[in-house]
Amino acid sequence: MLPDPETPICSAKGCRSAAVWVLAWNNPKLHTPERRKTWLACEEHREHLSQFLGVRGFLKDVVLLADWEQREA
């Protein structure tokens, strides 16, 4: 079953699952230290996406989507 169109979905290629996590990252060669880009992840892809960003030194934080939204409000 697909999530509601208003529901954020996982950033993993081909995944249509509802996002649960926010992976905050930046590429130090392109972004200022305080800049944060985000990927969204479902439970299944959180570890894979975190590792992808982590081995490149890009991953800065992994936060529950609900907490991220609350922090941004």
PDB file of N, CA and C in Angstrom:
ATOM      1  N   MET A   1       0.842  -1.185   0.000  1.00  0.00           N
ATOM      2  CA  MET A   1       0.000   0.000   0.000  1.00  0.00           C
ATOM      3  C   MET A   1       0.885   1.246   0.000  1.00  0.00           C
ATOM      4  N   LEU A   2       0.562   2.181  -0.857  1.00  0.00           N
ATOM      5  CA  LEU A   2       1.327   3.418  -0.951  1.00  0.00           C
ATOM      6  C   LEU A   2       0.906   4.389   0.140  1.00  0.00           C
ATOM      7  N   PRO A   3       1.869   5.178   0.639  1.00  0.00           N
ATOM      8  CA  PRO A   3       1.506   6.179   1.638  1.00  0.00           C
ATOM      9  C   PRO A   3       0.646   7.279   1.023  1.00  0.00           C
ATOM     10  N   ASP A   4      -0.024   8.012   1.873  1.00  0.00           N
ATOM     11  CA  ASP A   4      -0.801   9.178   1.468  1.00  0.00           C
ATOM     12  C   ASP A   4       0.131  10.135   0.720  1.00  0.00           C
ATOM     13  N   PRO A   5      -0.350  10.817  -0.331  1.00  0.00           N
ATOM     14  CA  PRO A   5       0.526  11.743  -1.078  1.00  0.00           C
ATOM     15  C   PRO A   5       1.160  12.836  -0.210  1.00  0.00           C
ATOM     16  N   GLU A   6       0.567  13.137   0.934  1.00  0.00           N
ATOM     17  CA  GLU A   6       1.102  14.139   1.842  1.00  0.00           C
ATOM     18  C   GLU A   6       2.199  13.578   2.743  1.00  0.00           C
ATOM     19  N   THR A   7       2.328  12.257   2.785  1.00  0.00           N
ATOM     20  CA  THR A   7       3.302  11.601   3.651  1.00  0.00           C
ATOM     21  C   THR A   7       4.674  11.609   2.992  1.00  0.00           C
ATOM     22  N   PRO A   8       5.702  12.101   3.673  1.00  0.00           N
ATOM     23  CA  PRO A   8       7.057  12.041   3.111  1.00  0.00           C
ATOM     24  C   PRO A   8       7.477  10.594   2.889  1.00  0.00           C
ATOM     25  N   ILE A   9       8.169  10.335   1.779  1.00  0.00           N
ATOM     26  CA  ILE A   9       8.601   8.979   1.470  1.00  0.00           C
ATOM     27  C   ILE A   9      10.118   8.848   1.544  1.00  0.00           C
ATOM     28  N   CYS A  10      10.559   7.638   1.677  1.00  0.00           N
ATOM     29  CA  CYS A  10      11.974   7.294   1.773  1.00  0.00           C
ATOM     30  C   CYS A  10      12.737   7.755   0.527  1.00  0.00           C
ATOM     31  N   SER A  11      13.965   8.202   0.734  1.00  0.00           N
ATOM     32  CA  SER A  11      14.822   8.669  -0.367  1.00  0.00           C
ATOM     33  C   SER A  11      15.558   7.542  -1.084  1.00  0.00           C
ATOM     34  N   ALA A  12      15.485   6.321  -0.567  1.00  0.00           N
ATOM     35  CA  ALA A  12      16.181   5.206  -1.219  1.00  0.00           C
ATOM     36  C   ALA A  12      15.580   4.966  -2.602  1.00  0.00           C
ATOM     37  N   LYS A  13      16.436   4.693  -3.551  1.00  0.00           N
ATOM     38  CA  LYS A  13      16.006   4.495  -4.933  1.00  0.00           C
ATOM     39  C   LYS A  13      14.942   3.407  -5.019  1.00  0.00           C
ATOM     40  N   GLY A  14      13.801   3.763  -5.602  1.00  0.00           N
ATOM     41  CA  GLY A  14      12.727   2.811  -5.825  1.00  0.00           C
ATOM     42  C   GLY A  14      11.833   2.550  -4.625  1.00  0.00           C
ATOM     43  N   CYS A  15      12.169   3.080  -3.474  1.00  0.00           N
ATOM     44  CA  CYS A  15      11.367   2.836  -2.268  1.00  0.00           C
ATOM     45  C   CYS A  15      10.202   3.825  -2.223  1.00  0.00           C
ATOM     46  N   ARG A  16       9.032   3.326  -1.895  1.00  0.00           N
ATOM     47  CA  ARG A  16       7.848   4.179  -1.782  1.00  0.00           C
ATOM     48  C   ARG A  16       7.280   4.136  -0.360  1.00  0.00           C
ATOM     49  N   SER A  17       8.062   3.642   0.588  1.00  0.00           N
ATOM     50  CA  SER A  17       7.612   3.538   1.980  1.00  0.00           C
ATOM     51  C   SER A  17       7.638   4.898   2.668  1.00  0.00           C
ATOM     52  N   ALA A  18       6.809   5.019   3.675  1.00  0.00           N
ATOM     53  CA  ALA A  18       6.755   6.256   4.451  1.00  0.00           C
ATOM     54  C   ALA A  18       8.079   6.467   5.184  1.00  0.00           C
ATOM     55  N   ALA A  19       8.541   7.682   5.188  1.00  0.00           N
ATOM     56  CA  ALA A  19       9.782   8.026   5.891  1.00  0.00           C
ATOM     57  C   ALA A  19       9.534   8.077   7.394  1.00  0.00           C
ATOM     58  N   VAL A  20      10.517   7.620   8.149  1.00  0.00           N
ATOM     59  CA  VAL A  20      10.474   7.636   9.603  1.00  0.00           C
ATOM     60  C   VAL A  20      11.659   8.442  10.143  1.00  0.00           C
ATOM     61  N   TRP A  21      12.742   8.491   9.379  1.00  0.00           N
ATOM     62  CA  TRP A  21      13.999   9.100   9.808  1.00  0.00           C
ATOM     63  C   TRP A  21      14.417  10.222   8.868  1.00  0.00           C
ATOM     64  N   VAL A  22      15.129  11.195   9.422  1.00  0.00           N
ATOM     65  CA  VAL A  22      15.789  12.246   8.645  1.00  0.00           C
ATOM     66  C   VAL A  22      17.288  12.048   8.818  1.00  0.00           C
ATOM     67  N   LEU A  23      18.006  11.957   7.709  1.00  0.00           N
ATOM     68  CA  LEU A  23      19.462  11.877   7.728  1.00  0.00           C
ATOM     69  C   LEU A  23      19.980  13.238   7.280  1.00  0.00           C
ATOM     70  N   ALA A  24      20.543  13.979   8.219  1.00  0.00           N
ATOM     71  CA  ALA A  24      21.072  15.315   7.927  1.00  0.00           C
ATOM     72  C   ALA A  24      22.543  15.167   7.529  1.00  0.00           C
ATOM     73  N   TRP A  25      22.928  15.815   6.448  1.00  0.00           N
ATOM     74  CA  TRP A  25      24.284  15.661   5.941  1.00  0.00           C
ATOM     75  C   TRP A  25      24.739  16.925   5.240  1.00  0.00           C
ATOM     76  N   ASN A  26      26.020  16.982   4.981  1.00  0.00           N
ATOM     77  CA  ASN A  26      26.552  17.994   4.079  1.00  0.00           C
ATOM     78  C   ASN A  26      27.854  17.489   3.469  1.00  0.00           C
ATOM     79  N   ASN A  27      28.159  18.015   2.316  1.00  0.00           N
ATOM     80  CA  ASN A  27      29.409  17.713   1.634  1.00  0.00           C
ATOM     81  C   ASN A  27      30.341  18.887   1.913  1.00  0.00           C
ATOM     82  N   PRO A  28      31.372  18.687   2.737  1.00  0.00           N
ATOM     83  CA  PRO A  28      32.235  19.809   3.120  1.00  0.00           C
ATOM     84  C   PRO A  28      32.952  20.475   1.948  1.00  0.00           C
ATOM     85  N   LYS A  29      33.043  19.788   0.822  1.00  0.00           N
ATOM     86  CA  LYS A  29      33.669  20.412  -0.350  1.00  0.00           C
ATOM     87  C   LYS A  29      32.718  21.392  -1.042  1.00  0.00           C
ATOM     88  N   LEU A  30      31.419  21.247  -0.771  1.00  0.00           N
ATOM     89  CA  LEU A  30      30.425  22.087  -1.437  1.00  0.00           C
ATOM     90  C   LEU A  30      29.645  23.005  -0.499  1.00  0.00           C
ATOM     91  N   HIS A  31      29.468  22.597   0.751  1.00  0.00           N
ATOM     92  CA  HIS A  31      28.590  23.309   1.677  1.00  0.00           C
ATOM     93  C   HIS A  31      29.357  23.901   2.852  1.00  0.00           C
ATOM     94  N   THR A  32      28.832  24.994   3.374  1.00  0.00           N
ATOM     95  CA  THR A  32      29.390  25.558   4.594  1.00  0.00           C
ATOM     96  C   THR A  32      29.131  24.578   5.740  1.00  0.00           C
ATOM     97  N   PRO A  33      29.938  24.609   6.810  1.00  0.00           N
ATOM     98  CA  PRO A  33      29.794  23.634   7.895  1.00  0.00           C
ATOM     99  C   PRO A  33      28.409  23.566   8.528  1.00  0.00           C
ATOM    100  N   GLU A  34      27.696  24.680   8.596  1.00  0.00           N
ATOM    101  CA  GLU A  34      26.379  24.673   9.227  1.00  0.00           C
ATOM    102  C   GLU A  34      25.241  24.233   8.300  1.00  0.00           C
ATOM    103  N   ARG A  35      25.488  24.176   7.008  1.00  0.00           N
ATOM    104  CA  ARG A  35      24.459  23.780   6.037  1.00  0.00           C
ATOM    105  C   ARG A  35      24.098  22.318   6.221  1.00  0.00           C
ATOM    106  N   ARG A  36      22.803  22.005   6.175  1.00  0.00           N
ATOM    107  CA  ARG A  36      22.342  20.624   6.273  1.00  0.00           C
ATOM    108  C   ARG A  36      21.394  20.306   5.132  1.00  0.00           C
ATOM    109  N   LYS A  37      21.760  19.315   4.357  1.00  0.00           N
ATOM    110  CA  LYS A  37      20.888  18.726   3.357  1.00  0.00           C
ATOM    111  C   LYS A  37      20.208  17.554   4.054  1.00  0.00           C
ATOM    112  N   THR A  38      19.098  17.070   3.533  1.00  0.00           N
ATOM    113  CA  THR A  38      18.420  15.957   4.190  1.00  0.00           C
ATOM    114  C   THR A  38      17.996  14.889   3.202  1.00  0.00           C
ATOM    115  N   TRP A  39      18.106  13.670   3.664  1.00  0.00           N
ATOM    116  CA  TRP A  39      17.495  12.519   3.017  1.00  0.00           C
ATOM    117  C   TRP A  39      16.516  11.951   4.018  1.00  0.00           C
ATOM    118  N   LEU A  40      15.453  11.370   3.509  1.00  0.00           N
ATOM    119  CA  LEU A  40      14.479  10.705   4.358  1.00  0.00           C
ATOM    120  C   LEU A  40      14.654   9.206   4.223  1.00  0.00           C
ATOM    121  N   ALA A  41      14.370   8.482   5.301  1.00  0.00           N
ATOM    122  CA  ALA A  41      14.558   7.026   5.270  1.00  0.00           C
ATOM    123  C   ALA A  41      13.436   6.320   6.014  1.00  0.00           C
ATOM    124  N   CYS A  42      13.033   5.178   5.457  1.00  0.00           N
ATOM    125  CA  CYS A  42      12.129   4.270   6.159  1.00  0.00           C
ATOM    126  C   CYS A  42      12.996   3.420   7.099  1.00  0.00           C
ATOM    127  N   GLU A  43      12.355   2.612   7.923  1.00  0.00           N
ATOM    128  CA  GLU A  43      13.112   1.747   8.840  1.00  0.00           C
ATOM    129  C   GLU A  43      14.070   0.833   8.076  1.00  0.00           C
ATOM    130  N   GLU A  44      13.600   0.276   6.966  1.00  0.00           N
ATOM    131  CA  GLU A  44      14.397  -0.690   6.205  1.00  0.00           C
ATOM    132  C   GLU A  44      15.667  -0.085   5.612  1.00  0.00           C
ATOM    133  N   HIS A  45      15.622   1.173   5.192  1.00  0.00           N
ATOM    134  CA  HIS A  45      16.753   1.778   4.492  1.00  0.00           C
ATOM    135  C   HIS A  45      17.596   2.726   5.334  1.00  0.00           C
ATOM    136  N   ARG A  46      17.225   2.969   6.587  1.00  0.00           N
ATOM    137  CA  ARG A  46      17.972   3.921   7.430  1.00  0.00           C
ATOM    138  C   ARG A  46      19.451   3.548   7.520  1.00  0.00           C
ATOM    139  N   GLU A  47      19.743   2.297   7.829  1.00  0.00           N
ATOM    140  CA  GLU A  47      21.137   1.878   8.008  1.00  0.00           C
ATOM    141  C   GLU A  47      21.918   1.979   6.698  1.00  0.00           C
ATOM    142  N   HIS A  48      21.329   1.530   5.604  1.00  0.00           N
ATOM    143  CA  HIS A  48      22.004   1.570   4.308  1.00  0.00           C
ATOM    144  C   HIS A  48      22.334   3.012   3.901  1.00  0.00           C
ATOM    145  N   LEU A  49      21.354   3.896   4.004  1.00  0.00           N
ATOM    146  CA  LEU A  49      21.591   5.292   3.625  1.00  0.00           C
ATOM    147  C   LEU A  49      22.579   5.962   4.577  1.00  0.00           C
ATOM    148  N   SER A  50      22.499   5.634   5.862  1.00  0.00           N
ATOM    149  CA  SER A  50      23.449   6.182   6.841  1.00  0.00           C
ATOM    150  C   SER A  50      24.873   5.746   6.510  1.00  0.00           C
ATOM    151  N   GLN A  51      25.046   4.483   6.161  1.00  0.00           N
ATOM    152  CA  GLN A  51      26.380   3.982   5.812  1.00  0.00           C
ATOM    153  C   GLN A  51      26.908   4.660   4.547  1.00  0.00           C
ATOM    154  N   PHE A  52      26.034   4.828   3.553  1.00  0.00           N
ATOM    155  CA  PHE A  52      26.421   5.480   2.307  1.00  0.00           C
ATOM    156  C   PHE A  52      26.977   6.874   2.587  1.00  0.00           C
ATOM    157  N   LEU A  53      26.262   7.649   3.392  1.00  0.00           N
ATOM    158  CA  LEU A  53      26.715   9.004   3.725  1.00  0.00           C
ATOM    159  C   LEU A  53      27.905   8.971   4.678  1.00  0.00           C
ATOM    160  N   GLY A  54      27.900   8.034   5.606  1.00  0.00           N
ATOM    161  CA  GLY A  54      28.946   7.946   6.615  1.00  0.00           C
ATOM    162  C   GLY A  54      30.321   7.648   6.049  1.00  0.00           C
ATOM    163  N   VAL A  55      30.417   6.714   5.112  1.00  0.00           N
ATOM    164  CA  VAL A  55      31.733   6.371   4.562  1.00  0.00           C
ATOM    165  C   VAL A  55      32.335   7.526   3.768  1.00  0.00           C
ATOM    166  N   ARG A  56      31.504   8.454   3.347  1.00  0.00           N
ATOM    167  CA  ARG A  56      31.983   9.634   2.623  1.00  0.00           C
ATOM    168  C   ARG A  56      32.276  10.805   3.567  1.00  0.00           C
ATOM    169  N   GLY A  57      31.947  10.613   4.848  1.00  0.00           N
ATOM    170  CA  GLY A  57      32.152  11.683   5.821  1.00  0.00           C
ATOM    171  C   GLY A  57      31.098  12.770   5.750  1.00  0.00           C
ATOM    172  N   PHE A  58      29.949  12.473   5.149  1.00  0.00           N
ATOM    173  CA  PHE A  58      28.895  13.472   4.961  1.00  0.00           C
ATOM    174  C   PHE A  58      27.849  13.462   6.077  1.00  0.00           C
ATOM    175  N   LEU A  59      27.607  12.328   6.705  1.00  0.00           N
ATOM    176  CA  LEU A  59      26.520  12.192   7.676  1.00  0.00           C
ATOM    177  C   LEU A  59      26.799  13.012   8.928  1.00  0.00           C
ATOM    178  N   LYS A  60      25.834  13.835   9.321  1.00  0.00           N
ATOM    179  CA  LYS A  60      25.970  14.687  10.499  1.00  0.00           C
ATOM    180  C   LYS A  60      25.021  14.292  11.616  1.00  0.00           C
ATOM    181  N   ASP A  61      23.814  13.803  11.275  1.00  0.00           N
ATOM    182  CA  ASP A  61      22.829  13.482  12.295  1.00  0.00           C
ATOM    183  C   ASP A  61      21.756  12.571  11.711  1.00  0.00           C
ATOM    184  N   VAL A  62      21.194  11.711  12.563  1.00  0.00           N
ATOM    185  CA  VAL A  62      20.049  10.867  12.210  1.00  0.00           C
ATOM    186  C   VAL A  62      19.004  11.104  13.286  1.00  0.00           C
ATOM    187  N   VAL A  63      17.833  11.593  12.854  1.00  0.00           N
ATOM    188  CA  VAL A  63      16.795  12.021  13.783  1.00  0.00           C
ATOM    189  C   VAL A  63      15.447  11.482  13.317  1.00  0.00           C
ATOM    190  N   LEU A  64      14.596  11.103  14.260  1.00  0.00           N
ATOM    191  CA  LEU A  64      13.236  10.716  13.893  1.00  0.00           C
ATOM    192  C   LEU A  64      12.563  11.871  13.163  1.00  0.00           C
ATOM    193  N   LEU A  65      11.816  11.565  12.117  1.00  0.00           N
ATOM    194  CA  LEU A  65      11.143  12.593  11.323  1.00  0.00           C
ATOM    195  C   LEU A  65      10.255  13.475  12.202  1.00  0.00           C
ATOM    196  N   ALA A  66       9.507  12.881  13.118  1.00  0.00           N
ATOM    197  CA  ALA A  66       8.624  13.661  13.994  1.00  0.00           C
ATOM    198  C   ALA A  66       9.429  14.660  14.826  1.00  0.00           C
ATOM    199  N   ASP A  67      10.587  14.239  15.333  1.00  0.00           N
ATOM    200  CA  ASP A  67      11.436  15.140  16.123  1.00  0.00           C
ATOM    201  C   ASP A  67      12.005  16.251  15.249  1.00  0.00           C
ATOM    202  N   TRP A  68      12.421  15.917  14.032  1.00  0.00           N
ATOM    203  CA  TRP A  68      12.969  16.904  13.091  1.00  0.00           C
ATOM    204  C   TRP A  68      11.919  17.964  12.772  1.00  0.00           C
ATOM    205  N   GLU A  69      10.695  17.510  12.480  1.00  0.00           N
ATOM    206  CA  GLU A  69       9.627  18.450  12.155  1.00  0.00           C
ATOM    207  C   GLU A  69       9.315  19.359  13.335  1.00  0.00           C
ATOM    208  N   GLN A  70       9.340  18.814  14.535  1.00  0.00           N
ATOM    209  CA  GLN A  70       9.091  19.589  15.733  1.00  0.00           C
ATOM    210  C   GLN A  70      10.198  20.627  15.934  1.00  0.00           C
ATOM    211  N   ARG A  71      11.438  20.207  15.694  1.00  0.00           N
ATOM    212  CA  ARG A  71      12.594  21.099  15.848  1.00  0.00           C
ATOM    213  C   ARG A  71      12.549  22.231  14.823  1.00  0.00           C
ATOM    214  N   GLU A  72      12.058  21.931  13.611  1.00  0.00           N
ATOM    215  CA  GLU A  72      12.004  22.926  12.545  1.00  0.00           C
ATOM    216  C   GLU A  72      10.842  23.900  12.707  1.00  0.00           C
ATOM    217  N   ALA A  73       9.833  23.522  13.479  1.00  0.00           N
ATOM    218  CA  ALA A  73       8.631  24.374  13.642  1.00  0.00           C
ATOM    219  C   ALA A  73       8.888  25.583  14.512  1.00  0.00           C
TER     220      ALA A  73
END
